[in-house]
Amino acid sequence: VARGVYIYFLAKISELLDTVFFVIRKKERQITFLHLYHHTVMPMISWGATKYYPGGHGTLIGVINSFVHIIMYTYYMLAAMGPQYQKFLFWKRHITTLQMHGSPSAPFD
């Protein structure tokens, strides 16, 4: 379990780099307050979890957060695959709701 928590921490670092790449590519429009807040706070939270609580009940929050990211990135993948996949993207409006309720660092929980 501790190894999984460490891998989760590394994933949060890579997601923070996603934000850095947005800035480098001058795609600031894609950086919302929620995105910046989440991708700044989550590496700090996951570092603390990795160092002090690398197992147990706290890992459930990471599992939920990972599930939300799987849903999100599946949507992005389908959207990038072209117009023939648009019919499969009817659930776009539910993603933000899922992000707000499935994120341990969401400001509106």
Protein backbone atom coordinates (compact mmCIF):
# COMPACT_ATOMS: atom_id res chain seq x y z
CA VAL A 1 0.00 0.00 0.00
CA ALA A 2 2.85 2.40 0.85
CA ARG A 3 4.34 1.91 -2.64
CA GLY A 4 0.94 2.73 -4.18
CA VAL A 5 0.75 5.91 -2.10
CA TYR A 6 4.22 6.90 -3.32
CA ILE A 7 3.21 6.28 -6.95
CA TYR A 8 0.11 8.39 -6.33
CA PHE A 9 2.39 11.19 -5.06
CA LEU A 10 4.47 10.95 -8.24
CA ALA A 11 1.28 11.19 -10.30
CA LYS A 12 0.35 14.41 -8.48
CA ILE A 13 3.78 15.85 -9.33
CA SER A 14 3.25 14.96 -13.00
CA GLU A 15 -0.17 16.67 -12.92
CA LEU A 16 1.46 19.79 -11.51
CA LEU A 17 3.87 19.67 -14.46
CA ASP A 18 0.79 19.65 -16.71
CA THR A 19 0.03 23.14 -15.38
CA VAL A 20 3.62 24.23 -15.95
CA PHE A 21 3.38 23.07 -19.57
CA PHE A 22 0.16 25.08 -20.03
CA VAL A 23 2.06 28.18 -18.92
CA ILE A 24 5.07 27.42 -21.13
CA ARG A 25 2.80 26.91 -24.15
CA LYS A 26 0.95 30.16 -23.27
CA LYS A 27 -2.36 28.31 -22.77
CA GLU A 28 -3.33 30.24 -19.63
CA ARG A 29 -7.00 30.11 -20.69
CA GLN A 30 -6.97 26.42 -19.77
CA ILE A 31 -5.86 27.16 -16.21
CA THR A 32 -8.92 27.78 -14.06
CA PHE A 33 -8.86 28.62 -10.37
CA LEU A 34 -9.97 25.07 -9.55
CA HIS A 35 -7.23 23.59 -11.74
CA LEU A 36 -4.52 25.75 -10.18
CA TYR A 37 -5.78 25.20 -6.64
CA HIS A 38 -6.12 21.45 -7.05
CA HIS A 39 -2.80 20.89 -8.82
CA THR A 40 -0.95 23.03 -6.30
CA VAL A 41 -2.52 21.62 -3.13
CA MET A 42 -2.63 17.93 -4.10
CA PRO A 43 1.17 17.43 -4.31
CA MET A 44 1.48 18.93 -0.82
CA ILE A 45 -1.31 16.76 0.59
CA SER A 46 -0.01 13.62 -1.09
CA TRP A 47 3.54 14.34 0.12
CA GLY A 48 2.21 14.49 3.69
CA ALA A 49 0.26 11.29 3.17
CA THR A 50 3.32 9.58 1.70
CA LYS A 51 5.56 10.67 4.56
CA TYR A 52 3.25 10.29 7.55
CA TYR A 53 0.29 8.05 6.56
CA PRO A 54 1.35 5.74 3.72
CA GLY A 55 -1.56 3.35 4.19
CA GLY A 56 -4.88 2.91 5.87
CA HIS A 57 -8.14 4.80 5.49
CA GLY A 58 -6.58 7.96 4.04
CA THR A 59 -5.76 6.14 0.82
CA LEU A 60 -9.48 6.03 -0.06
CA ILE A 61 -9.35 9.75 -0.89
CA GLY A 62 -6.55 9.04 -3.37
CA VAL A 63 -8.54 6.23 -4.95
CA ILE A 64 -11.55 8.54 -5.40
CA ASN A 65 -9.32 11.27 -6.86
CA SER A 66 -7.73 8.78 -9.25
CA PHE A 67 -11.18 7.60 -10.37
CA VAL A 68 -12.15 11.21 -11.16
CA HIS A 69 -8.96 11.64 -13.19
CA ILE A 70 -9.62 8.41 -15.12
CA ILE A 71 -13.08 9.72 -16.08
CA MET A 72 -11.65 13.14 -17.03
CA TYR A 73 -8.81 11.85 -19.15
CA THR A 74 -11.09 9.33 -20.87
CA TYR A 75 -13.30 12.26 -21.86
CA TYR A 76 -10.27 14.25 -23.13
CA MET A 77 -9.06 11.24 -25.11
CA LEU A 78 -12.46 10.75 -26.79
CA ALA A 79 -12.71 14.49 -27.53
CA ALA A 80 -9.25 14.44 -29.15
CA MET A 81 -10.10 11.44 -31.33
CA GLY A 82 -12.27 13.55 -33.63
CA PRO A 83 -15.85 14.43 -34.47
CA GLN A 84 -16.96 10.83 -34.96
CA TYR A 85 -16.67 10.40 -31.18
CA GLN A 86 -18.74 13.49 -30.27
CA LYS A 87 -21.84 11.34 -29.73
CA PHE A 88 -20.02 9.63 -26.85
CA LEU A 89 -19.37 12.94 -25.05
CA PHE A 90 -22.89 13.62 -23.76
CA TRP A 91 -21.63 13.41 -20.17
CA LYS A 92 -19.36 16.48 -20.36
CA ARG A 93 -21.52 18.58 -17.98
CA HIS A 94 -21.28 15.91 -15.29
CA ILE A 95 -17.48 15.95 -15.20
CA THR A 96 -17.25 19.30 -13.38
CA THR A 97 -19.74 18.08 -10.77
CA LEU A 98 -17.70 14.91 -10.34
CA GLN A 99 -14.52 16.99 -10.03
CA MET A 100 -16.08 19.20 -7.36
CA HIS A 101 -17.35 16.32 -5.26
CA GLY A 102 -14.59 13.80 -5.93
CA SER A 103 -11.62 15.98 -5.14
CA PRO A 104 -10.22 16.19 -1.62
CA SER A 105 -8.89 19.68 -2.35
CA ALA A 106 -11.98 21.07 -4.09
CA PRO A 107 -12.74 24.45 -2.52
CA PHE A 108 -16.51 23.99 -2.56
CA ASP A 109 -16.90 20.57 -0.87
